[in-house]
C-alpha atoms as a PDB file:
ATOM      1  CA  MET A   1      -0.033  -0.038  -0.059  1.00  0.00           C
ATOM      2  CA  ARG A   2       2.973   2.159   0.744  1.00  0.00           C
ATOM      3  CA  ASP A   3       4.270   1.969  -2.934  1.00  0.00           C
ATOM      4  CA  LEU A   4       0.732   2.056  -4.336  1.00  0.00           C
ATOM      5  CA  LEU A   5       0.127   5.631  -2.928  1.00  0.00           C
ATOM      6  CA  GLU A   6       3.308   6.626  -3.908  1.00  0.00           C
ATOM      7  CA  LEU A   7       2.474   6.345  -7.366  1.00  0.00           C
ATOM      8  CA  PRO A   8       1.406   9.428  -9.561  1.00  0.00           C
ATOM      9  CA  ASN A   9      -1.999   7.977  -9.812  1.00  0.00           C
ATOM     10  CA  PRO A  10      -2.883   5.234  -7.704  1.00  0.00           C
ATOM     11  CA  ALA A  11      -6.669   4.943  -8.711  1.00  0.00           C
ATOM     12  CA  GLU A  12      -5.638   4.645 -12.202  1.00  0.00           C
ATOM     13  CA  TYR A  13      -3.001   1.825 -11.586  1.00  0.00           C
ATOM     14  CA  ALA A  14      -5.560   0.127  -9.435  1.00  0.00           C
ATOM     15  CA  ALA A  15      -8.197   0.427 -12.237  1.00  0.00           C
ATOM     16  CA  THR A  16      -6.071  -1.475 -14.841  1.00  0.00           C
ATOM     17  CA  ALA A  17      -4.209  -4.032 -12.244  1.00  0.00           C
ATOM     18  CA  VAL A  18      -4.881  -7.750 -12.928  1.00  0.00           C
ATOM     19  CA  ASP A  19      -7.880  -8.877 -10.948  1.00  0.00           C
ATOM     20  CA  GLN A  20      -7.644 -11.509  -7.919  1.00  0.00           C
ATOM     21  CA  ASP A  21     -10.360 -13.157  -6.384  1.00  0.00           C
ATOM     22  CA  LEU A  22      -9.663 -12.255  -2.794  1.00  0.00           C
ATOM     23  CA  GLY A  23     -12.812 -13.583  -0.991  1.00  0.00           C
ATOM     24  CA  SER A  24     -16.597 -13.018  -0.774  1.00  0.00           C
ATOM     25  CA  PHE A  25     -18.497 -10.207   1.251  1.00  0.00           C
ATOM     26  CA  THR A  26     -22.335  -9.986   1.669  1.00  0.00           C
ATOM     27  CA  SER A  27     -23.930  -7.204   3.026  1.00  0.00           C
ATOM     28  CA  GLY A  28     -20.527  -5.512   4.335  1.00  0.00           C
ATOM     29  CA  GLU A  29     -19.831  -8.631   6.551  1.00  0.00           C
ATOM     30  CA  VAL A  30     -16.499 -10.559   6.669  1.00  0.00           C
ATOM     31  CA  GLN A  31     -17.351 -13.986   5.793  1.00  0.00           C
ATOM     32  CA  GLY A  32     -15.584 -17.416   6.631  1.00  0.00           C
ATOM     33  CA  GLU A  33     -11.993 -17.280   7.674  1.00  0.00           C
ATOM     34  CA  VAL A  34     -11.307 -13.984   5.778  1.00  0.00           C
ATOM     35  CA  SER A  35     -10.724 -10.671   7.886  1.00  0.00           C
ATOM     36  CA  LEU A  36      -9.842  -7.205   6.729  1.00  0.00           C
ATOM     37  CA  LEU A  37      -6.737  -5.681   8.019  1.00  0.00           C
ATOM     38  CA  ALA A  38      -6.486  -1.924   8.357  1.00  0.00           C
ATOM     39  CA  PRO A  39      -5.727  -0.540   4.668  1.00  0.00           C
ATOM     40  CA  PHE A  40      -2.462   0.668   5.712  1.00  0.00           C
ATOM     41  CA  ASP A  41       0.921  -0.928   5.857  1.00  0.00           C
ATOM     42  CA  LEU A  42       4.208   1.369   6.660  1.00  0.00           C
ATOM     43  CA  GLN A  43       2.523   4.445   6.997  1.00  0.00           C
ATOM     44  CA  ALA A  44       2.958   6.388  10.268  1.00  0.00           C
ATOM     45  CA  ILE A  45      -0.591   6.653  11.895  1.00  0.00           C
ATOM     46  CA  LYS A  46      -1.123  10.360  12.825  1.00  0.00           C
ATOM     47  CA  ALA A  47      -4.299  12.153  14.249  1.00  0.00           C
ATOM     48  CA  CYS A  48      -5.188  15.879  14.600  1.00  0.00           C
ATOM     49  CA  GLY A  49      -7.584  16.966  17.416  1.00  0.00           C
ATOM     50  CA  VAL A  50      -9.958  19.678  18.608  1.00  0.00           C
ATOM     51  CA  THR A  51     -10.737  20.374  14.812  1.00  0.00           C
ATOM     52  CA  PHE A  52     -14.434  20.863  15.591  1.00  0.00           C
ATOM     53  CA  ALA A  53     -15.990  23.883  17.558  1.00  0.00           C
ATOM     54  CA  ARG A  54     -18.613  21.587  19.138  1.00  0.00           C
ATOM     55  CA  SER A  55     -16.109  18.879  20.149  1.00  0.00           C
ATOM     56  CA  MET A  56     -13.633  21.521  21.357  1.00  0.00           C
ATOM     57  CA  ILE A  57     -16.037  22.483  24.016  1.00  0.00           C
ATOM     58  CA  GLU A  58     -16.181  19.005  25.163  1.00  0.00           C
ATOM     59  CA  ARG A  59     -12.497  18.733  25.644  1.00  0.00           C
ATOM     60  CA  VAL A  60     -12.786  22.088  27.850  1.00  0.00           C
ATOM     61  CA  ILE A  61     -15.460  20.238  29.730  1.00  0.00           C
ATOM     62  CA  GLU A  62     -13.269  17.010  30.260  1.00  0.00           C
ATOM     63  CA  GLU A  63     -10.511  19.315  31.242  1.00  0.00           C
ATOM     64  CA  ARG A  64     -12.349  21.189  33.918  1.00  0.00           C
ATOM     65  CA  ALA A  65     -14.407  18.213  35.092  1.00  0.00           C
ATOM     66  CA  ALA A  66     -10.708  16.366  35.488  1.00  0.00           C
ATOM     67  CA  GLY A  67     -11.974  13.405  34.032  1.00  0.00           C
ATOM     68  CA  SER A  68     -15.104  13.122  36.280  1.00  0.00           C
ATOM     69  CA  PRO A  69     -18.365  12.464  34.227  1.00  0.00           C
ATOM     70  CA  SER A  70     -20.628  13.719  37.065  1.00  0.00           C
ATOM     71  CA  ASP A  71     -19.507  17.158  36.958  1.00  0.00           C
ATOM     72  CA  ALA A  72     -19.643  17.345  32.913  1.00  0.00           C
ATOM     73  CA  SER A  73     -23.069  18.503  32.691  1.00  0.00           C
ATOM     74  CA  ARG A  74     -22.785  21.174  35.061  1.00  0.00           C
ATOM     75  CA  ILE A  75     -19.512  22.786  33.556  1.00  0.00           C
ATOM     76  CA  ARG A  76     -21.183  22.289  30.212  1.00  0.00           C
ATOM     77  CA  SER A  77     -23.774  24.726  30.826  1.00  0.00           C
ATOM     78  CA  THR A  78     -21.472  27.246  32.319  1.00  0.00           C
ATOM     79  CA  ILE A  79     -19.029  26.861  29.344  1.00  0.00           C
ATOM     80  CA  SER A  80     -22.024  27.025  26.988  1.00  0.00           C
ATOM     81  CA  ALA A  81     -23.276  30.124  28.369  1.00  0.00           C
ATOM     82  CA  ILE A  82     -20.043  32.083  28.138  1.00  0.00           C
ATOM     83  CA  LEU A  83     -19.124  30.843  24.572  1.00  0.00           C
ATOM     84  CA  GLY A  84     -22.446  30.416  22.915  1.00  0.00           C
ATOM     85  CA  GLY A  85     -22.238  29.734  19.518  1.00  0.00           C
ATOM     86  CA  SER A  86     -19.409  32.291  18.725  1.00  0.00           C
ATOM     87  CA  LEU A  87     -16.796  29.804  17.954  1.00  0.00           C
ATOM     88  CA  ARG A  88     -18.522  27.979  15.172  1.00  0.00           C
ATOM     89  CA  SER A  89     -17.960  30.591  12.546  1.00  0.00           C
ATOM     90  CA  LEU A  90     -14.168  31.301  13.478  1.00  0.00           C
ATOM     91  CA  LYS A  91     -11.459  30.236  11.479  1.00  0.00           C
ATOM     92  CA  ALA A  92      -8.386  28.900  13.232  1.00  0.00           C
ATOM     93  CA  GLY A  93      -5.648  31.147  13.381  1.00  0.00           C
ATOM     94  CA  SER A  94      -7.374  34.262  12.160  1.00  0.00           C
ATOM     95  CA  PRO A  95      -7.189  37.688  13.775  1.00  0.00           C
ATOM     96  CA  GLU A  96     -10.878  37.198  14.844  1.00  0.00           C
ATOM     97  CA  ALA A  97      -9.934  34.143  16.546  1.00  0.00           C
ATOM     98  CA  ALA A  98      -7.098  35.878  18.220  1.00  0.00           C
ATOM     99  CA  GLU A  99      -9.470  38.383  19.605  1.00  0.00           C
ATOM    100  CA  VAL A 100     -11.793  35.793  21.161  1.00  0.00           C
ATOM    101  CA  LYS A 101      -8.862  34.183  22.611  1.00  0.00           C
ATOM    102  CA  ARG A 102      -8.041  37.342  24.179  1.00  0.00           C
ATOM    103  CA  ALA A 103     -11.579  37.820  25.550  1.00  0.00           C
ATOM    104  CA  LEU A 104     -11.525  34.415  26.882  1.00  0.00           C
ATOM    105  CA  ILE A 105      -8.236  34.777  28.799  1.00  0.00           C
ATOM    106  CA  LYS A 106      -9.691  38.123  30.525  1.00  0.00           C
ATOM    107  CA  GLU A 107     -12.719  35.860  31.443  1.00  0.00           C
ATOM    108  CA  GLY A 108     -10.582  33.107  33.057  1.00  0.00           C
ATOM    109  CA  VAL A 109     -11.752  30.383  30.824  1.00  0.00           C
ATOM    110  CA  TRP A 110      -9.010  29.752  28.539  1.00  0.00           C
ATOM    111  CA  SER A 111      -7.496  26.376  27.945  1.00  0.00           C
ATOM    112  CA  GLN A 112      -5.084  24.285  26.379  1.00  0.00           C
ATOM    113  CA  TYR A 113      -7.837  22.801  23.957  1.00  0.00           C
ATOM    114  CA  LEU A 114      -9.420  26.187  22.909  1.00  0.00           C
ATOM    115  CA  GLU A 115      -5.495  27.171  22.276  1.00  0.00           C
ATOM    116  CA  VAL A 116      -5.156  24.417  19.626  1.00  0.00           C
ATOM    117  CA  GLY A 117      -9.015  24.817  18.378  1.00  0.00           C
ATOM    118  CA  ILE A 118      -8.673  28.329  17.378  1.00  0.00           C
ATOM    119  CA  GLY A 119      -5.216  29.249  17.434  1.00  0.00           C
ATOM    120  CA  PRO A 120      -2.690  29.104  14.810  1.00  0.00           C
ATOM    121  CA  ASP A 121      -1.265  25.664  15.653  1.00  0.00           C
ATOM    122  CA  ALA A 122      -3.271  22.564  15.128  1.00  0.00           C
ATOM    123  CA  GLU A 123      -2.875  19.689  17.538  1.00  0.00           C
ATOM    124  CA  VAL A 124      -1.010  16.678  15.806  1.00  0.00           C
ATOM    125  CA  PHE A 125      -0.285  13.482  17.619  1.00  0.00           C
ATOM    126  CA  THR A 126       0.430   9.963  16.973  1.00  0.00           C
ATOM    127  CA  LYS A 127      -2.389   7.885  17.321  1.00  0.00           C
ATOM    128  CA  SER A 128      -1.118   4.373  16.683  1.00  0.00           C
ATOM    129  CA  GLN A 129       2.148   2.493  15.959  1.00  0.00           C
ATOM    130  CA  VAL A 130       2.839   1.361  12.268  1.00  0.00           C
ATOM    131  CA  MET A 131       0.870  -1.542  11.389  1.00  0.00           C
ATOM    132  CA  SER A 132      -1.038  -1.911  14.881  1.00  0.00           C
ATOM    133  CA  SER A 133      -4.237  -0.605  13.575  1.00  0.00           C
ATOM    134  CA  VAL A 134      -7.304  -2.918  13.164  1.00  0.00           C
ATOM    135  CA  GLY A 135      -9.800  -2.975  10.516  1.00  0.00           C
ATOM    136  CA  HIS A 136     -13.466  -3.540   9.797  1.00  0.00           C
ATOM    137  CA  GLY A 137     -14.820  -6.409  11.855  1.00  0.00           C
ATOM    138  CA  ALA A 138     -12.039  -6.557  14.320  1.00  0.00           C
ATOM    139  CA  GLU A 139     -12.661  -5.670  18.216  1.00  0.00           C
ATOM    140  CA  VAL A 140     -11.419  -2.282  19.280  1.00  0.00           C
ATOM    141  CA  GLY A 141     -10.206  -1.712  22.739  1.00  0.00           C
ATOM    142  CA  ILE A 142     -10.677   0.659  25.573  1.00  0.00           C
ATOM    143  CA  LEU A 143      -8.323   0.407  28.615  1.00  0.00           C
ATOM    144  CA  PRO A 144     -10.115  -1.416  31.750  1.00  0.00           C
ATOM    145  CA  SER A 145      -9.159   1.546  33.987  1.00  0.00           C
ATOM    146  CA  SER A 146     -11.452   3.912  31.914  1.00  0.00           C
ATOM    147  CA  HIS A 147     -14.932   4.514  32.833  1.00  0.00           C
ATOM    148  CA  TRP A 148     -16.055   7.553  30.478  1.00  0.00           C
ATOM    149  CA  ASN A 149     -15.024   7.176  26.935  1.00  0.00           C
ATOM    150  CA  ASN A 150     -16.750   6.922  23.444  1.00  0.00           C
ATOM    151  CA  PRO A 151     -16.301   6.364  19.798  1.00  0.00           C
ATOM    152  CA  GLU A 152     -14.945   9.115  17.390  1.00  0.00           C
ATOM    153  CA  PRO A 153     -15.972   8.835  14.236  1.00  0.00           C
ATOM    154  CA  GLU A 154     -13.336  10.357  11.694  1.00  0.00           C
ATOM    155  CA  ILE A 155     -12.366  10.827   7.948  1.00  0.00           C
ATOM    156  CA  VAL A 156      -8.473   9.519   7.498  1.00  0.00           C
ATOM    157  CA  LEU A 157      -6.742  10.921   4.883  1.00  0.00           C
ATOM    158  CA  ALA A 158      -4.174   8.734   2.837  1.00  0.00           C
ATOM    159  CA  VAL A 159      -1.301  11.004   2.403  1.00  0.00           C
ATOM    160  CA  ASP A 160       1.923   9.889   0.560  1.00  0.00           C
ATOM    161  CA  SER A 161       5.710  10.818   1.377  1.00  0.00           C
ATOM    162  CA  ALA A 162       5.525  14.208  -0.465  1.00  0.00           C
ATOM    163  CA  GLY A 163       2.419  15.290   1.594  1.00  0.00           C
ATOM    164  CA  ARG A 164       0.038  14.589  -1.566  1.00  0.00           C
ATOM    165  CA  ILE A 165      -3.478  13.313  -0.444  1.00  0.00           C
ATOM    166  CA  LYS A 166      -4.237  10.273  -2.486  1.00  0.00           C
ATOM    167  CA  GLY A 167      -7.404   9.186  -0.958  1.00  0.00           C
ATOM    168  CA  ALA A 168      -9.549   8.831   2.149  1.00  0.00           C
ATOM    169  CA  THR A 169     -11.428   5.998   4.779  1.00  0.00           C
ATOM    170  CA  LEU A 170     -12.954   5.781   7.962  1.00  0.00           C
ATOM    171  CA  GLY A 171     -11.775   5.479  11.336  1.00  0.00           C
ATOM    172  CA  ASN A 172     -12.578   5.189  14.899  1.00  0.00           C
ATOM    173  CA  ASP A 173     -10.290   7.300  17.204  1.00  0.00           C
ATOM    174  CA  VAL A 174     -11.474   5.737  20.549  1.00  0.00           C
ATOM    175  CA  ASN A 175     -11.668   8.283  22.885  1.00  0.00           C
ATOM    176  CA  LEU A 176     -10.826   7.837  26.570  1.00  0.00           C
ATOM    177  CA  ARG A 177     -12.473  10.977  28.039  1.00  0.00           C
ATOM    178  CA  ASP A 178     -11.803  10.372  31.898  1.00  0.00           C
ATOM    179  CA  ILE A 179      -7.963   9.677  31.129  1.00  0.00           C
ATOM    180  CA  GLU A 180      -7.050  12.503  28.669  1.00  0.00           C
ATOM    181  CA  GLY A 181      -9.394  14.773  30.906  1.00  0.00           C
ATOM    182  CA  ARG A 182      -7.611  14.293  33.738  1.00  0.00           C
ATOM    183  CA  SER A 183      -4.338  15.482  32.046  1.00  0.00           C
ATOM    184  CA  ALA A 184      -3.311  16.570  28.581  1.00  0.00           C
ATOM    185  CA  LEU A 185       0.072  14.661  29.349  1.00  0.00           C
ATOM    186  CA  LEU A 186      -1.950  11.655  29.380  1.00  0.00           C
ATOM    187  CA  LEU A 187      -2.873  11.695  25.755  1.00  0.00           C
ATOM    188  CA  GLY A 188      -0.609   8.883  24.780  1.00  0.00           C
ATOM    189  CA  LYS A 189      -2.138   6.754  27.138  1.00  0.00           C
ATOM    190  CA  ALA A 190      -5.608   7.651  26.595  1.00  0.00           C
ATOM    191  CA  LYS A 191      -4.932   7.398  22.628  1.00  0.00           C
ATOM    192  CA  ASP A 192      -2.469   4.589  21.890  1.00  0.00           C
ATOM    193  CA  ASN A 193      -3.608   0.972  23.298  1.00  0.00           C
ATOM    194  CA  ASN A 194      -3.872  -2.325  21.953  1.00  0.00           C
ATOM    195  CA  ALA A 195      -6.919  -2.256  19.293  1.00  0.00           C
ATOM    196  CA  SER A 196      -7.611   1.419  19.895  1.00  0.00           C
ATOM    197  CA  CYS A 197      -7.257   2.496  16.558  1.00  0.00           C
ATOM    198  CA  ALA A 198      -9.539   1.056  13.733  1.00  0.00           C
ATOM    199  CA  ILE A 199      -9.305   2.026  10.211  1.00  0.00           C
ATOM    200  CA  GLY A 200     -11.354   0.801   7.041  1.00  0.00           C
ATOM    201  CA  PRO A 201     -12.917  -0.846   5.472  1.00  0.00           C
ATOM    202  CA  PHE A 202     -10.996   0.144   2.453  1.00  0.00           C
ATOM    203  CA  ILE A 203      -9.106   3.447   1.095  1.00  0.00           C
ATOM    204  CA  ARG A 204     -11.307   5.334  -1.551  1.00  0.00           C
ATOM    205  CA  LEU A 205      -8.570   6.616  -4.067  1.00  0.00           C
ATOM    206  CA  PHE A 206      -8.986  10.011  -5.593  1.00  0.00           C
ATOM    207  CA  ASP A 207      -9.996  10.110  -9.315  1.00  0.00           C
ATOM    208  CA  GLU A 208     -12.182  11.843 -11.453  1.00  0.00           C
ATOM    209  CA  SER A 209     -15.406  10.645  -9.482  1.00  0.00           C
ATOM    210  CA  TYR A 210     -13.970  11.336  -6.062  1.00  0.00           C
ATOM    211  CA  SER A 211     -11.610  14.014  -4.483  1.00  0.00           C
ATOM    212  CA  ILE A 212     -10.803  16.211  -1.688  1.00  0.00           C
ATOM    213  CA  ASP A 213     -13.751  18.615  -2.388  1.00  0.00           C
ATOM    214  CA  ASP A 214     -15.938  15.225  -1.376  1.00  0.00           C
ATOM    215  CA  VAL A 215     -13.863  14.918   1.730  1.00  0.00           C
ATOM    216  CA  ARG A 216     -14.680  18.593   2.478  1.00  0.00           C
ATOM    217  CA  LYS A 217     -18.401  17.958   2.333  1.00  0.00           C
ATOM    218  CA  ALA A 218     -18.517  14.432   3.669  1.00  0.00           C
ATOM    219  CA  GLU A 219     -21.493  13.243   6.272  1.00  0.00           C
ATOM    220  CA  LEU A 220     -20.593  10.315   8.593  1.00  0.00           C
ATOM    221  CA  GLU A 221     -23.057   8.630  10.182  1.00  0.00           C
ATOM    222  CA  LEU A 222     -22.639   6.620  13.575  1.00  0.00           C
ATOM    223  CA  VAL A 223     -24.726   3.728  15.227  1.00  0.00           C
ATOM    224  CA  VAL A 224     -23.519   2.172  18.700  1.00  0.00           C
ATOM    225  CA  LEU A 225     -25.840  -0.920  19.240  1.00  0.00           C
ATOM    226  CA  GLY A 226     -25.213  -1.963  22.949  1.00  0.00           C
ATOM    227  CA  ALA A 227     -25.710  -5.869  24.168  1.00  0.00           C
ATOM    228  CA  ASP A 228     -28.108  -4.198  26.728  1.00  0.00           C
ATOM    229  CA  GLY A 229     -30.338  -2.914  24.123  1.00  0.00           C
ATOM    230  CA  PHE A 230     -29.092   0.932  24.079  1.00  0.00           C
ATOM    231  CA  VAL A 231     -28.858   2.481  20.801  1.00  0.00           C
ATOM    232  CA  LEU A 232     -26.826   5.629  20.437  1.00  0.00           C
ATOM    233  CA  GLU A 233     -26.942   7.430  16.945  1.00  0.00           C
ATOM    234  CA  GLY A 234     -24.884  10.575  16.071  1.00  0.00           C
ATOM    235  CA  SER A 235     -23.158  12.380  13.014  1.00  0.00           C
ATOM    236  CA  SER A 236     -20.073  14.222  11.998  1.00  0.00           C
ATOM    237  CA  SER A 237     -20.153  16.979   9.276  1.00  0.00           C
ATOM    238  CA  MET A 238     -16.696  17.618   7.524  1.00  0.00           C
ATOM    239  CA  SER A 239     -18.246  21.104   6.470  1.00  0.00           C
ATOM    240  CA  GLU A 240     -17.739  22.407   9.967  1.00  0.00           C
ATOM    241  CA  ILE A 241     -14.312  21.834  10.422  1.00  0.00           C
ATOM    242  CA  SER A 242     -12.351  24.534  11.605  1.00  0.00           C
ATOM    243  CA  ARG A 243      -9.130  24.027   9.693  1.00  0.00           C
ATOM    244  CA  ASP A 244      -9.153  22.808   5.940  1.00  0.00           C
ATOM    245  CA  PRO A 245      -7.831  19.148   5.422  1.00  0.00           C
ATOM    246  CA  THR A 246      -5.002  20.561   3.352  1.00  0.00           C
ATOM    247  CA  GLU A 247      -3.949  22.741   6.111  1.00  0.00           C
ATOM    248  CA  LEU A 248      -3.902  19.934   8.694  1.00  0.00           C
ATOM    249  CA  VAL A 249      -1.830  17.745   6.110  1.00  0.00           C
ATOM    250  CA  ALA A 250       0.788  20.858   5.529  1.00  0.00           C
ATOM    251  CA  GLN A 251       0.864  21.073   9.512  1.00  0.00           C
ATOM    252  CA  THR A 252       1.966  17.341   9.817  1.00  0.00           C
ATOM    253  CA  ILE A 253       4.533  17.190   6.886  1.00  0.00           C
ATOM    254  CA  GLY A 254       6.799  19.630   5.406  1.00  0.00           C
ATOM    255  CA  SER A 255      10.357  20.923   5.978  1.00  0.00           C
ATOM    256  CA  HIS A 256       9.748  20.659   9.657  1.00  0.00           C
ATOM    257  CA  HIS A 257       8.987  16.998   9.518  1.00  0.00           C
ATOM    258  CA  GLN A 258       9.153  14.020   6.918  1.00  0.00           C
ATOM    259  CA  TYR A 259       7.458  10.698   6.553  1.00  0.00           C
ATOM    260  CA  PRO A 260       9.082   8.816   4.057  1.00  0.00           C
ATOM    261  CA  ASP A 261       6.646   5.988   3.932  1.00  0.00           C
ATOM    262  CA  GLY A 262       3.665   8.520   4.026  1.00  0.00           C
ATOM    263  CA  PHE A 263       1.213   8.543   6.589  1.00  0.00           C
ATOM    264  CA  ALA A 264      -2.688   8.116   7.589  1.00  0.00           C
ATOM    265  CA  LEU A 265      -4.051  11.215   9.224  1.00  0.00           C
ATOM    266  CA  PHE A 266      -7.337  11.164  11.387  1.00  0.00           C
ATOM    267  CA  MET A 267      -8.880  14.695  11.247  1.00  0.00           C
ATOM    268  CA  GLY A 268     -11.128  14.960  14.048  1.00  0.00           C
ATOM    269  CA  THR A 269     -14.632  14.858  14.644  1.00  0.00           C
ATOM    270  CA  LEU A 270     -17.728  16.804  15.567  1.00  0.00           C
ATOM    271  CA  PHE A 271     -19.384  13.880  17.466  1.00  0.00           C
ATOM    272  CA  ALA A 272     -19.301  14.492  21.212  1.00  0.00           C
ATOM    273  CA  PRO A 273     -22.009  12.275  23.130  1.00  0.00           C
ATOM    274  CA  VAL A 274     -23.925  13.721  26.082  1.00  0.00           C
ATOM    275  CA  GLU A 275     -26.751  11.409  26.104  1.00  0.00           C
ATOM    276  CA  ASP A 276     -27.133   9.560  29.369  1.00  0.00           C
ATOM    277  CA  ARG A 277     -26.695   5.856  29.013  1.00  0.00           C
ATOM    278  CA  ASP A 278     -27.057   4.461  32.862  1.00  0.00           C
ATOM    279  CA  VAL A 279     -26.590   7.319  35.094  1.00  0.00           C
ATOM    280  CA  GLU A 280     -28.455  10.807  34.960  1.00  0.00           C
ATOM    281  CA  GLY A 281     -25.999  13.363  34.461  1.00  0.00           C
ATOM    282  CA  HIS A 282     -22.840  10.974  33.603  1.00  0.00           C
ATOM    283  CA  GLY A 283     -23.653  10.995  29.686  1.00  0.00           C
ATOM    284  CA  PHE A 284     -22.436   8.431  27.418  1.00  0.00           C
ATOM    285  CA  THR A 285     -19.756   5.675  28.134  1.00  0.00           C
ATOM    286  CA  HIS A 286     -18.907   2.531  26.256  1.00  0.00           C
ATOM    287  CA  LYS A 287     -19.718  -1.231  27.314  1.00  0.00           C
ATOM    288  CA  VAL A 288     -18.207  -4.414  26.270  1.00  0.00           C
ATOM    289  CA  GLY A 289     -20.018  -5.834  23.298  1.00  0.00           C
ATOM    290  CA  ASP A 290     -21.183  -2.255  21.956  1.00  0.00           C
ATOM    291  CA  VAL A 291     -21.098  -2.721  18.119  1.00  0.00           C
ATOM    292  CA  VAL A 292     -19.871   0.664  16.692  1.00  0.00           C
ATOM    293  CA  SER A 293     -20.583   1.255  12.957  1.00  0.00           C
ATOM    294  CA  ILE A 294     -19.317   4.354  11.194  1.00  0.00           C
ATOM    295  CA  SER A 295     -20.700   4.892   7.789  1.00  0.00           C
ATOM    296  CA  ASN A 296     -20.330   7.435   4.666  1.00  0.00           C
ATOM    297  CA  PRO A 297     -22.115   6.616   1.172  1.00  0.00           C
ATOM    298  CA  GLN A 298     -18.925   7.174  -0.752  1.00  0.00           C
ATOM    299  CA  ILE A 299     -16.393   5.370   1.524  1.00  0.00           C
ATOM    300  CA  GLY A 300     -18.570   2.518   3.181  1.00  0.00           C
ATOM    301  CA  THR A 301     -19.119   1.298   6.514  1.00  0.00           C
ATOM    302  CA  LEU A 302     -16.245   0.657   9.664  1.00  0.00           C
ATOM    303  CA  ARG A 303     -17.928  -1.661  11.945  1.00  0.00           C
ATOM    304  CA  ASN A 304     -16.115  -2.762  15.180  1.00  0.00           C
ATOM    305  CA  THR A 305     -16.969  -4.752  18.541  1.00  0.00           C
ATOM    306  CA  VAL A 306     -16.150  -3.039  21.786  1.00  0.00           C
ATOM    307  CA  ALA A 307     -13.729  -5.002  24.017  1.00  0.00           C
ATOM    308  CA  LEU A 308     -11.089  -4.380  26.667  1.00  0.00           C
ATOM    309  CA  SER A 309      -7.647  -3.563  25.241  1.00  0.00           C
ATOM    310  CA  THR A 310      -6.194  -6.150  27.707  1.00  0.00           C
ATOM    311  CA  GLU A 311      -8.510  -8.977  25.967  1.00  0.00           C
ATOM    312  CA  CYS A 312      -8.116  -7.817  22.370  1.00  0.00           C
ATOM    313  CA  GLU A 313      -6.225 -10.082  20.256  1.00  0.00           C
ATOM    314  CA  PRO A 314      -2.490  -8.998  20.830  1.00  0.00           C
ATOM    315  CA  TRP A 315      -0.541  -7.038  18.401  1.00  0.00           C
ATOM    316  CA  THR A 316       2.437  -9.163  17.489  1.00  0.00           C
ATOM    317  CA  PHE A 317       3.404  -8.236  13.790  1.00  0.00           C
ATOM    318  CA  GLY A 318       5.864  -5.745  13.944  1.00  0.00           C
ATOM    319  CA  VAL A 319       8.074  -4.408  10.987  1.00  0.00           C
ATOM    320  CA  SER A 320      10.817  -6.964  11.666  1.00  0.00           C
ATOM    321  CA  HIS A 321       8.235  -9.864  11.307  1.00  0.00           C
ATOM    322  CA  LEU A 322       7.168  -8.204   8.046  1.00  0.00           C
ATOM    323  CA  MET A 323      10.509  -8.044   6.781  1.00  0.00           C
ATOM    324  CA  ARG A 324      11.292 -11.698   7.663  1.00  0.00           C
ATOM    325  CA  ASN A 325       7.987 -12.659   5.970  1.00  0.00           C
ATOM    326  CA  LEU A 326       8.770 -10.777   2.845  1.00  0.00           C
ATOM    327  CA  ALA A 327      12.368 -12.128   2.668  1.00  0.00           C
ATOM    328  CA  ALA A 328      11.085 -15.807   3.150  1.00  0.00           C
ATOM    329  CA  ARG A 329       8.767 -15.477   0.316  1.00  0.00           C
ATOM    330  CA  LYS A 330      11.564 -13.980  -2.018  1.00  0.00           C
ATOM    331  CA  LEU A 331      10.051 -10.817  -2.295  1.00  0.00           C
ATOM    332  CA  ILE A 332      12.876  -8.728  -1.099  1.00  0.00           C
END
């Protein structure tokens, strides 16, 4: 996949490649012994956070609540009364955003999340290690120590080593709200765990029928079906993103940072669930067995079942294993 995305026109190459039957699918479900890997191999797995005004406010709430869901409802009302809808039309890094920043500092409600949400610098972090992501149909993991968490439906860009966007797919950037909310320094612990990054089902390569403009106006639908009968529905609209996808790519790769094998880039989500699941005022959190489906008509559906990271299939196939595997098959 790394070499395919490095081609000038990957979609054209894929359309003319010799067909090979790789197995059958029915209604989007994996059949028999066939399973789907995440559609990236040697690419770094990067992510941008706090890229939507609504989810940015939720990050501020997490921080103010210090990871406590019972305090979130009260803080949400306070923050919303101060901010209102004024952030939605702001362009991150603009002079208008700088004015809002100064006003918020004066009111004593400034936050590191607001800094990356409307300031000049985007938040860019490593979501997952190379080849550790899981694909469609796999279990997706949450830490046993997390008691406030949710799915994050996102568009994931496929970017080559020169920073050119070659396509897009879907991702679930599993969010442990209580752990990150206790301290932003726990971001790595909250984000990068066994099976905590799901990507798929396939990469939709850019061609004359699908381009970055389609990504800019993409609508994502989310459905969570609990084994207890609970149903959560949500959505995320890329049209409300605070920074253009090309700006997020430019802040990730350039003279300041290179990616010789390219990278996958999660672009954040508008979705932030506040609906109570069990306890009034505690909002939504996952339960083991939840089935999470993230869909877009032009990309497909990514479906995963929630489990504990400690009980998901361990990640054991690293780069060294790949090199030995290829050498044994005389492919390198």
